Protein backbone atom coordinates (compact mmCIF):
# COMPACT_ATOMS: atom_id res chain seq x y z
CA MET A 1 0.23 0.17 -0.23
CA ARG A 2 2.66 2.36 1.17
CA ARG A 3 4.62 1.65 -2.27
CA LYS A 4 1.60 2.31 -4.24
CA GLN A 5 1.38 5.70 -2.63
CA ILE A 6 4.49 6.33 -3.12
CA SER A 7 4.22 5.30 -6.83
CA HIS A 8 1.39 8.06 -7.21
CA LEU A 9 3.26 10.75 -5.52
CA ASN A 10 6.46 10.12 -7.76
CA PHE A 11 3.73 10.47 -10.56
CA SER A 12 2.56 13.15 -9.49
CA ILE A 13 5.72 15.49 -9.24
CA GLN A 14 6.75 14.06 -12.72
CA LEU A 15 3.74 15.62 -14.24
CA LEU A 16 3.79 18.92 -11.95
CA VAL A 17 7.28 19.19 -13.58
CA ALA A 18 6.21 18.34 -16.90
CA ILE A 19 3.58 20.77 -17.02
CA ILE A 20 5.74 23.42 -15.23
CA VAL A 21 8.51 22.95 -18.47
CA LEU A 22 5.56 23.25 -21.01
CA CYS A 23 4.40 26.53 -19.40
CA VAL A 24 7.90 27.79 -19.39
CA LEU A 25 8.66 26.74 -22.73
CA PHE A 26 5.09 28.53 -24.10
CA VAL A 27 6.15 31.97 -22.86
CA LEU A 28 9.84 31.56 -23.91
CA SER A 29 8.16 30.78 -27.78
CA VAL A 30 6.07 33.71 -27.66
CA ILE A 31 9.20 35.68 -26.81
CA LEU A 32 11.51 34.52 -29.38
CA GLY A 33 10.99 35.01 -32.99
CA GLU A 34 12.35 37.81 -35.58
CA SER A 35 11.48 40.26 -33.06
CA ARG A 36 11.72 39.63 -29.40
CA VAL A 37 9.07 40.78 -26.94
CA HIS A 38 9.36 41.40 -23.41
CA ILE A 39 6.72 39.37 -20.62
CA ALA A 40 4.85 42.99 -19.69
CA THR A 41 4.18 43.74 -23.30
CA ILE A 42 2.74 39.93 -24.05
CA ILE A 43 0.59 40.36 -20.61
CA GLU A 44 -0.17 44.05 -21.95
CA ALA A 45 -1.93 42.19 -25.65
CA ILE A 46 -3.48 39.62 -23.70
CA LEU A 47 -5.34 41.66 -20.89
CA HIS A 48 -5.41 45.12 -22.71
CA TYR A 49 -5.27 44.23 -26.44
CA ASP A 50 -5.06 46.87 -29.04
CA ALA A 51 -5.92 46.18 -32.45
CA THR A 52 -3.59 49.52 -33.57
CA ASN A 53 -0.60 47.59 -31.95
CA GLN A 54 1.87 46.14 -34.29
CA ILE A 55 3.05 43.99 -31.83
CA HIS A 56 0.30 43.49 -30.00
CA ASN A 57 -1.43 41.77 -33.48
CA VAL A 58 1.67 39.67 -33.70
CA ILE A 59 1.67 38.69 -30.48
CA ALA A 60 -2.43 37.76 -30.05
CA GLU A 61 -2.92 36.56 -33.87
CA ILE A 62 0.26 34.74 -34.67
CA ARG A 63 2.48 33.68 -31.85
CA ILE A 64 -0.01 32.41 -29.13
CA PRO A 65 -2.37 30.80 -31.61
CA ARG A 66 0.89 29.23 -33.29
CA ASN A 67 1.89 27.89 -30.10
CA ILE A 68 -1.18 26.65 -28.99
CA GLY A 69 -1.63 24.98 -32.05
CA ALA A 70 2.08 23.18 -31.72
CA VAL A 71 0.95 22.27 -28.45
CA LEU A 72 -2.35 20.64 -29.51
CA VAL A 73 -0.63 18.55 -32.26
CA GLY A 74 1.80 17.59 -30.00
CA ILE A 75 -1.09 16.39 -27.50
CA ALA A 76 -2.41 14.54 -30.30
CA LEU A 77 -0.03 12.61 -31.91
CA ALA A 78 1.62 11.52 -28.94
CA THR A 79 -1.79 10.37 -27.24
CA ALA A 80 -2.54 8.26 -30.87
CA GLY A 81 1.01 7.00 -30.74
CA ALA A 82 0.43 5.53 -26.96
CA VAL A 83 -2.47 4.05 -27.50
CA ILE A 84 -1.81 2.54 -31.25
CA GLN A 85 1.75 1.02 -29.55
CA GLY A 86 -0.79 -0.52 -26.62
CA VAL A 87 -3.46 -1.53 -29.06
CA THR A 88 -1.07 -3.34 -31.50
CA LYS A 89 1.74 -4.64 -28.57
CA ASN A 90 3.78 -2.83 -30.93
CA GLY A 91 6.83 -0.59 -30.03
CA LEU A 92 7.06 0.53 -33.52
CA ALA A 93 3.62 2.10 -34.39
CA ASP A 94 3.24 5.99 -34.86
CA PRO A 95 0.30 8.00 -36.79
CA SER A 96 2.75 8.72 -39.42
CA LEU A 97 4.65 4.73 -39.80
CA ILE A 98 1.01 2.93 -40.36
CA GLY A 99 -0.42 5.02 -42.80
CA LEU A 100 -2.70 7.46 -40.93
CA ASN A 101 -1.16 10.47 -41.89
CA ALA A 102 -0.22 9.63 -45.43
CA GLY A 103 -4.15 8.32 -45.53
CA ALA A 104 -5.39 11.90 -43.82
CA ALA A 105 -3.24 13.95 -46.79
CA PHE A 106 -4.80 11.68 -49.73
CA ALA A 107 -8.00 12.71 -48.43
CA LEU A 108 -7.50 16.45 -47.66
CA ALA A 109 -5.62 16.44 -51.54
CA ILE A 110 -9.11 15.06 -52.77
CA THR A 111 -11.01 17.54 -50.78
CA PHE A 112 -9.39 20.58 -51.92
CA ALA A 113 -9.05 19.47 -55.62
CA PHE A 114 -12.66 19.46 -56.12
CA TYR A 115 -13.97 21.74 -52.76
CA PRO A 116 -11.54 24.54 -53.05
CA GLY A 117 -12.28 26.91 -49.81
CA VAL A 118 -13.92 24.19 -47.64
CA PRO A 119 -14.77 25.37 -43.87
CA PHE A 120 -11.87 23.49 -41.74
CA LEU A 121 -14.62 21.21 -40.02
CA ILE A 122 -14.79 19.68 -43.27
CA LEU A 123 -11.21 19.82 -43.55
CA ILE A 124 -11.28 17.81 -40.17
CA PHE A 125 -13.74 15.24 -41.27
CA ALA A 126 -12.07 14.60 -44.44
CA GLY A 127 -8.57 13.82 -42.65
CA PHE A 128 -10.66 11.46 -40.40
CA ILE A 129 -12.03 9.54 -43.21
CA GLY A 130 -8.84 9.18 -45.12
CA ALA A 131 -7.23 8.40 -41.73
CA VAL A 132 -9.29 5.69 -41.07
CA PHE A 133 -8.75 4.71 -44.56
CA GLY A 134 -4.93 4.69 -44.56
CA GLY A 135 -4.82 2.96 -41.05
CA MET A 136 -7.62 0.22 -41.81
CA THR A 137 -5.39 -0.79 -45.02
CA VAL A 138 -2.50 -1.19 -43.22
CA LEU A 139 -3.92 -2.96 -40.24
CA MET A 140 -5.63 -5.00 -42.36
CA ILE A 141 -2.34 -6.33 -44.48
CA GLY A 142 -0.12 -6.16 -41.05
CA SER A 143 -2.36 -8.56 -38.93
CA SER A 144 -3.01 -12.14 -39.35
CA ARG A 145 -4.93 -14.51 -37.40
CA ARG A 146 -1.89 -16.50 -36.26
CA ASP A 147 0.12 -13.86 -34.85
CA GLY A 148 -1.60 -10.45 -34.65
CA PHE A 149 0.05 -6.95 -35.37
CA HIS A 150 3.29 -8.41 -35.97
CA PRO A 151 6.04 -5.27 -35.67
CA MET A 152 7.80 -5.68 -39.20
CA ARG A 153 4.74 -6.81 -41.42
CA LEU A 154 3.07 -3.60 -39.40
CA ILE A 155 5.90 -1.00 -40.33
CA LEU A 156 6.53 -2.50 -43.78
CA ALA A 157 2.52 -2.32 -44.70
CA GLY A 158 2.57 1.08 -43.34
CA ALA A 159 5.81 2.00 -45.87
CA ALA A 160 4.06 0.56 -48.68
CA VAL A 161 0.56 1.93 -48.45
CA SER A 162 2.16 5.40 -47.09
CA ALA A 163 4.31 6.03 -50.24
CA LEU A 164 1.17 4.73 -52.33
CA LEU A 165 -1.37 7.63 -50.82
CA THR A 166 1.55 9.98 -51.15
CA ALA A 167 2.08 9.39 -54.57
CA LEU A 168 -1.65 9.57 -55.25
CA SER A 169 -1.82 12.95 -53.30
CA GLN A 170 0.82 14.39 -55.41
CA GLY A 171 -0.35 13.12 -58.68
CA ILE A 172 -4.15 15.00 -57.57
CA ALA A 173 -2.00 18.07 -56.62
CA LEU A 174 -0.27 18.25 -60.45
CA ILE A 175 -3.47 17.33 -61.89
CA PHE A 176 -5.19 19.84 -60.14
CA ARG A 177 -2.03 22.58 -59.27
CA LEU A 178 -2.22 22.58 -55.92
CA ASN A 179 1.40 22.21 -55.48
CA GLN A 180 1.69 25.36 -53.03
CA SER A 181 -1.36 23.45 -50.60
CA ILE A 182 0.21 20.04 -51.01
CA ASN A 183 3.88 21.03 -50.28
CA PHE A 184 2.59 22.86 -47.28
CA TRP A 185 1.08 19.41 -45.89
CA SER A 186 3.88 17.55 -46.97
CA ALA A 187 6.25 19.37 -44.88
CA GLY A 188 4.35 20.28 -42.01
CA GLY A 189 4.57 23.35 -39.78
CA VAL A 190 2.11 25.58 -37.51
CA SER A 191 3.01 28.66 -39.26
CA GLY A 192 -0.85 29.08 -40.48
CA THR A 193 -2.60 28.00 -37.51
CA ASN A 194 -5.00 30.69 -36.12
CA TRP A 195 -7.77 30.88 -33.59
CA GLN A 196 -10.31 29.69 -35.76
CA GLN A 197 -8.60 26.42 -36.54
CA VAL A 198 -7.73 26.23 -32.46
CA SER A 199 -11.45 26.47 -31.55
CA ILE A 200 -12.82 24.03 -33.63
CA SER A 201 -9.78 21.51 -32.88
CA ALA A 202 -9.28 21.74 -29.40
CA PRO A 203 -12.31 20.66 -28.03
CA ILE A 204 -12.67 17.50 -30.72
CA ILE A 205 -8.96 16.65 -29.51
CA PHE A 206 -9.94 16.90 -25.75
CA CYS A 207 -13.17 14.89 -25.76
CA ALA A 208 -11.04 12.35 -27.57
CA ILE A 209 -8.62 11.98 -25.31
CA ILE A 210 -10.90 12.01 -22.17
CA LEU A 211 -12.73 9.20 -23.79
CA LEU A 212 -9.16 7.26 -24.11
CA VAL A 213 -8.51 7.96 -20.36
CA LEU A 214 -11.88 6.81 -19.36
CA MET A 215 -10.72 3.74 -21.53
CA SER A 216 -7.07 3.88 -19.91
CA ARG A 217 -7.77 0.49 -17.59
CA GLN A 218 -8.98 -1.35 -20.39
CA LEU A 219 -6.07 -0.17 -22.40
CA THR A 220 -3.48 -1.23 -20.16
CA ILE A 221 -5.32 -4.74 -19.85
CA LEU A 222 -5.17 -5.16 -23.47
CA SER A 223 -1.67 -4.08 -23.89
CA LEU A 224 -0.73 -7.62 -21.72
CA GLY A 225 -2.49 -9.45 -24.16
CA ASP A 226 -5.82 -10.61 -26.16
CA ALA A 227 -6.16 -13.51 -24.24
CA LEU A 228 -5.39 -12.21 -20.72
CA ALA A 229 -8.01 -9.13 -21.72
CA SER A 230 -10.61 -11.80 -22.77
CA GLY A 231 -10.01 -13.62 -19.80
CA LEU A 232 -10.47 -10.62 -17.42
CA GLY A 233 -14.38 -9.93 -19.38
CA GLN A 234 -13.06 -7.26 -21.84
CA ASN A 235 -14.31 -6.88 -25.01
CA VAL A 236 -11.35 -6.95 -26.69
CA LYS A 237 -12.88 -6.23 -30.45
CA SER A 238 -14.93 -3.26 -29.07
CA ILE A 239 -11.75 -1.95 -27.22
CA ARG A 240 -9.34 -2.01 -30.05
CA LEU A 241 -12.13 -0.29 -32.62
CA VAL A 242 -12.97 2.24 -30.32
CA SER A 243 -9.58 3.32 -29.45
CA LEU A 244 -8.34 2.97 -33.22
CA LEU A 245 -11.06 5.19 -34.32
CA LEU A 246 -10.46 7.86 -31.87
CA THR A 247 -6.51 8.07 -32.50
CA MET A 248 -7.41 8.34 -36.13
CA LEU A 249 -9.45 11.12 -35.14
CA LEU A 250 -6.66 12.67 -33.54
CA ALA A 251 -4.38 11.86 -36.65
CA GLY A 252 -6.69 13.48 -38.90
CA ILE A 253 -7.39 16.59 -37.17
CA SER A 254 -3.61 17.08 -36.38
CA VAL A 255 -2.76 16.61 -40.23
CA ALA A 256 -5.76 18.72 -40.95
CA MET A 257 -3.91 21.73 -38.70
CA VAL A 258 0.02 21.33 -39.46
CA GLY A 259 0.32 18.37 -42.41
CA GLN A 260 2.03 15.41 -42.20
CA ILE A 261 4.56 15.14 -39.04
CA ALA A 262 5.99 11.74 -38.29
CA PHE A 263 8.13 10.15 -34.93
CA VAL A 264 6.18 12.12 -32.30
CA GLY A 265 3.75 9.41 -31.42
CA LEU A 266 7.00 6.87 -31.57
CA ILE A 267 9.18 8.77 -29.19
CA VAL A 268 7.21 10.36 -26.74
CA PRO A 269 5.67 7.22 -25.85
CA HIS A 270 8.66 5.43 -24.96
CA ILE A 271 10.09 8.08 -23.22
CA VAL A 272 6.73 8.03 -20.97
CA ARG A 273 7.01 4.46 -20.27
CA PHE A 274 10.53 4.85 -19.10
CA LEU A 275 8.82 7.11 -16.62
CA VAL A 276 6.29 6.11 -15.33
CA GLY A 277 5.51 2.26 -16.50
CA THR A 278 2.83 1.06 -18.55
CA ASP A 279 -0.22 1.96 -16.84
CA TYR A 280 -2.36 3.86 -19.43
CA VAL A 281 -3.94 6.13 -16.45
CA LYS A 282 -0.19 7.32 -15.82
CA VAL A 283 0.91 6.99 -19.99
CA LEU A 284 -1.75 8.95 -21.42
CA PRO A 285 -1.58 12.41 -19.58
CA MET A 286 2.23 11.99 -19.40
CA SER A 287 2.30 11.58 -23.69
CA ALA A 288 -0.22 14.32 -23.88
CA ILE A 289 2.23 17.25 -21.90
CA LEU A 290 5.62 15.37 -23.07
CA GLY A 291 3.89 15.44 -27.18
CA GLY A 292 2.54 19.20 -26.73
CA THR A 293 6.51 19.94 -25.30
CA LEU A 294 8.23 18.12 -28.42
CA VAL A 295 5.85 19.61 -30.83
CA LEU A 296 6.31 23.52 -28.89
CA ALA A 297 10.38 22.92 -28.81
CA ALA A 298 10.66 21.79 -32.15
CA ASP A 299 8.69 24.80 -33.66
CA VAL A 300 10.90 27.11 -31.89
CA ILE A 301 13.78 25.41 -33.29
CA ALA A 302 12.44 25.74 -36.50
CA ARG A 303 11.29 29.36 -35.94
CA MET A 304 15.15 30.58 -34.96
CA LEU A 305 16.42 28.92 -38.05
CA GLY A 306 14.65 30.82 -40.18
CA GLU A 307 11.19 29.28 -40.30
CA ALA A 308 12.49 25.37 -41.47
CA PRO A 309 10.10 22.77 -41.46
CA MET A 310 9.23 21.67 -38.29
CA SER A 311 8.63 17.99 -39.62
CA ALA A 312 12.52 18.05 -40.56
CA ILE A 313 13.46 19.07 -36.57
CA ILE A 314 11.64 16.36 -35.46
CA SER A 315 12.83 13.53 -37.71
CA PHE A 316 16.37 14.56 -37.22
CA ILE A 317 15.47 13.21 -33.75
CA GLY A 318 12.81 10.39 -35.19
CA VAL A 319 14.74 8.40 -37.34
CA PRO A 320 18.19 7.45 -35.07
CA TYR A 321 15.38 6.23 -32.41
CA PHE A 322 13.72 4.62 -35.16
CA LEU A 323 16.76 2.82 -35.96
CA TYR A 324 17.65 2.08 -32.92
CA LEU A 325 14.13 0.38 -31.78
CA ILE A 326 14.65 -2.09 -35.36
CA ARG A 327 18.24 -2.62 -34.26
CA LYS A 328 16.80 -4.10 -30.99
CA GLY A 329 14.44 -5.92 -33.18
CA GLY A 330 11.34 -4.14 -33.43
CA ARG A 331 9.72 -5.63 -29.73
CA THR A 332 6.79 -5.35 -28.64
CA ILE A 333 5.09 -3.52 -25.79
């Protein structure tokens, strides 16, 4: 009993430290940029906004929504990655590696081709449908009745399906002359995030995460194996279906907001499990906070490098880590 209390206390301290780091980084990300601003100016822009003041406009209309967008995307992708890895029992799983991001981007390309200027809410819906299509295709190819979701088969299927959907997206871009729009979604970045996108995305993302948190006990049991979960009275198929649909929704929203960003859902859950263990009651909230911190930090670095692609900054960390996991044999969760 005492050991359990100490474990909960340690987790609370870790979560509090992670939240403080995220908050400090958020303030720094508002300060830093082409022109640095003082904290007093930030407070003034928030409490006494003056539309005629250019610095106030930069803070309130560009930097703050951009930073909130980065945090939201990090929360969504890291949480989605943690759930996918547990559900498939595959430590190499990630929204970008199993076709979710490529499927969402493909759906967005079709949407832009036939319905230019479509409302952002429709883009989210299109991204969700595309993520479902890409993800389900990969999961069907990468699984078998005998050994379930085999790590290497799943990753190979994800690479093949993602390559196909990316090629189709580029073909649509060429035919309908959408190169500029598609290039933005391929490169990935939060520079164009605005308050409308934030106000629409935030409630959906948090509702999806709340539902996943409510399922955290079932996800913990499911991550231990289908046989054990069934023996404990869990409806394995229902839990897997609902959790995968929620992760696909999170991936679709992320792609609709900032384009394709890889490896967030791969790196963060591994770090979190090292820190707090495999209990999803702890894994999900910690993944959300660290995911938001990672994407926000990558955006700050990209901004300081002259608006370099944020996805490239994250990939610089993610690719070596992915190769390290493969070297370990793609060990499952």
